[in-house]
C-alpha atoms as a PDB file:
ATOM      1  CA  MET A   1      98.013  89.498  84.467  1.00  0.00           C
ATOM      2  CA  PRO A   2     100.458  91.117  86.925  1.00  0.00           C
ATOM      3  CA  GLY A   3     100.521  94.897  86.725  1.00  0.00           C
ATOM      4  CA  ASN A   4      98.266  94.983  83.661  1.00  0.00           C
ATOM      5  CA  ARG A   5     101.059  93.796  81.370  1.00  0.00           C
ATOM      6  CA  LEU A   6     100.585  92.053  78.048  1.00  0.00           C
ATOM      7  CA  PRO A   7     102.129  88.680  77.162  1.00  0.00           C
ATOM      8  CA  CYS A   8     104.815  89.046  74.506  1.00  0.00           C
ATOM      9  CA  TYR A   9     107.502  86.619  73.419  1.00  0.00           C
ATOM     10  CA  SER A  10     111.061  87.230  72.356  1.00  0.00           C
ATOM     11  CA  VAL A  11     111.642  84.672  69.605  1.00  0.00           C
ATOM     12  CA  LYS A  12     115.185  83.764  68.563  1.00  0.00           C
ATOM     13  CA  VAL A  13     115.392  82.767  64.910  1.00  0.00           C
ATOM     14  CA  GLU A  14     118.391  81.169  63.248  1.00  0.00           C
ATOM     15  CA  ILE A  15     118.853  81.767  59.540  1.00  0.00           C
ATOM     16  CA  PRO A  16     121.338  79.560  57.683  1.00  0.00           C
ATOM     17  CA  SER A  17     124.357  81.333  56.221  1.00  0.00           C
ATOM     18  CA  GLU A  18     126.844  80.301  53.600  1.00  0.00           C
ATOM     19  CA  VAL A  19     129.804  80.690  55.957  1.00  0.00           C
ATOM     20  CA  GLY A  20     128.676  77.917  58.257  1.00  0.00           C
ATOM     21  CA  ARG A  21     127.254  79.304  61.461  1.00  0.00           C
ATOM     22  CA  PRO A  22     123.620  80.465  61.303  1.00  0.00           C
ATOM     23  CA  ALA A  23     122.847  84.127  61.938  1.00  0.00           C
ATOM     24  CA  ALA A  24     120.571  84.791  64.916  1.00  0.00           C
ATOM     25  CA  THR A  25     117.811  87.393  64.784  1.00  0.00           C
ATOM     26  CA  TYR A  26     115.260  88.241  67.459  1.00  0.00           C
ATOM     27  CA  TYR A  27     111.599  89.157  67.076  1.00  0.00           C
ATOM     28  CA  LEU A  28     109.102  90.444  69.624  1.00  0.00           C
ATOM     29  CA  VAL A  29     105.578  89.081  69.233  1.00  0.00           C
ATOM     30  CA  GLN A  30     102.434  89.837  71.201  1.00  0.00           C
ATOM     31  CA  ALA A  31     100.874  86.383  71.606  1.00  0.00           C
ATOM     32  CA  ASP A  32      98.976  84.265  74.118  1.00  0.00           C
ATOM     33  CA  SER A  33     101.319  81.273  73.959  1.00  0.00           C
ATOM     34  CA  GLN A  34     104.820  80.208  72.989  1.00  0.00           C
ATOM     35  CA  PRO A  35     103.640  78.090  70.005  1.00  0.00           C
ATOM     36  CA  ALA A  36     101.496  80.992  68.719  1.00  0.00           C
ATOM     37  CA  ALA A  37     104.495  83.350  68.874  1.00  0.00           C
ATOM     38  CA  ILE A  38     106.764  80.894  67.037  1.00  0.00           C
ATOM     39  CA  ASN A  39     104.134  80.244  64.360  1.00  0.00           C
ATOM     40  CA  ALA A  40     103.614  83.987  63.842  1.00  0.00           C
ATOM     41  CA  VAL A  41     107.333  84.492  63.225  1.00  0.00           C
ATOM     42  CA  LYS A  42     107.612  81.502  60.878  1.00  0.00           C
ATOM     43  CA  LYS A  43     104.593  82.726  58.940  1.00  0.00           C
ATOM     44  CA  ALA A  44     106.030  86.245  58.568  1.00  0.00           C
ATOM     45  CA  LEU A  45     109.451  85.134  57.320  1.00  0.00           C
ATOM     46  CA  SER A  46     110.188  83.907  53.854  1.00  0.00           C
ATOM     47  CA  GLY A  47     112.980  81.484  53.227  1.00  0.00           C
ATOM     48  CA  PRO A  48     114.662  78.914  55.412  1.00  0.00           C
ATOM     49  CA  CYS A  49     114.754  79.655  59.122  1.00  0.00           C
ATOM     50  CA  GLU A  50     114.342  77.919  62.440  1.00  0.00           C
ATOM     51  CA  ALA A  51     112.714  79.420  65.524  1.00  0.00           C
ATOM     52  CA  VAL A  52     114.877  77.944  68.251  1.00  0.00           C
ATOM     53  CA  GLU A  53     113.675  79.689  71.389  1.00  0.00           C
ATOM     54  CA  ALA A  54     110.727  81.771  72.605  1.00  0.00           C
ATOM     55  CA  THR A  55     110.874  83.520  75.965  1.00  0.00           C
ATOM     56  CA  LEU A  56     107.868  85.082  77.687  1.00  0.00           C
ATOM     57  CA  SER A  57     108.116  88.761  78.570  1.00  0.00           C
ATOM     58  CA  LEU A  58     105.324  90.736  80.201  1.00  0.00           C
ATOM     59  CA  VAL A  59     105.288  94.165  78.560  1.00  0.00           C
ATOM     60  CA  ARG A  60     103.461  97.337  79.548  1.00  0.00           C
ATOM     61  CA  PRO A  61     100.630  98.397  77.240  1.00  0.00           C
ATOM     62  CA  GLU A  62     102.378 101.763  76.656  1.00  0.00           C
ATOM     63  CA  THR A  63     105.484  99.955  75.416  1.00  0.00           C
ATOM     64  CA  VAL A  64     103.437  97.689  73.147  1.00  0.00           C
ATOM     65  CA  GLU A  65     101.757 100.774  71.697  1.00  0.00           C
ATOM     66  CA  ALA A  66     105.045 102.669  71.282  1.00  0.00           C
ATOM     67  CA  LEU A  67     106.582  99.707  69.419  1.00  0.00           C
ATOM     68  CA  GLY A  68     103.506  99.341  67.230  1.00  0.00           C
ATOM     69  CA  LEU A  69     103.004  95.714  68.244  1.00  0.00           C
ATOM     70  CA  HIS A  70      99.785  93.997  67.226  1.00  0.00           C
ATOM     71  CA  PRO A  71      98.751  90.460  68.214  1.00  0.00           C
ATOM     72  CA  GLY A  72     100.429  87.863  66.006  1.00  0.00           C
ATOM     73  CA  MET A  73     102.556  90.395  64.074  1.00  0.00           C
ATOM     74  CA  PRO A  74     106.275  90.018  64.870  1.00  0.00           C
ATOM     75  CA  ARG A  75     108.609  92.970  65.072  1.00  0.00           C
ATOM     76  CA  ARG A  76     112.368  92.573  64.652  1.00  0.00           C
ATOM     77  CA  ILE A  77     114.339  93.791  67.662  1.00  0.00           C
END
């Protein structure tokens, strides 16, 4: 892994709203793959939602620790 960084994914989630357009929320997940990150977010959320995009970000271990990220546990950003 370049520079000793950890694989994390920024996952965009769309939540249906009553006014038409879905609201977008982003979560950061420490995961080994895009599907694992999406599944972790879906598992953590209750109610209807759709994970529409997951983007890989390599994050420093100090940042992961400061944010309190743990593998497979999404954090809203």
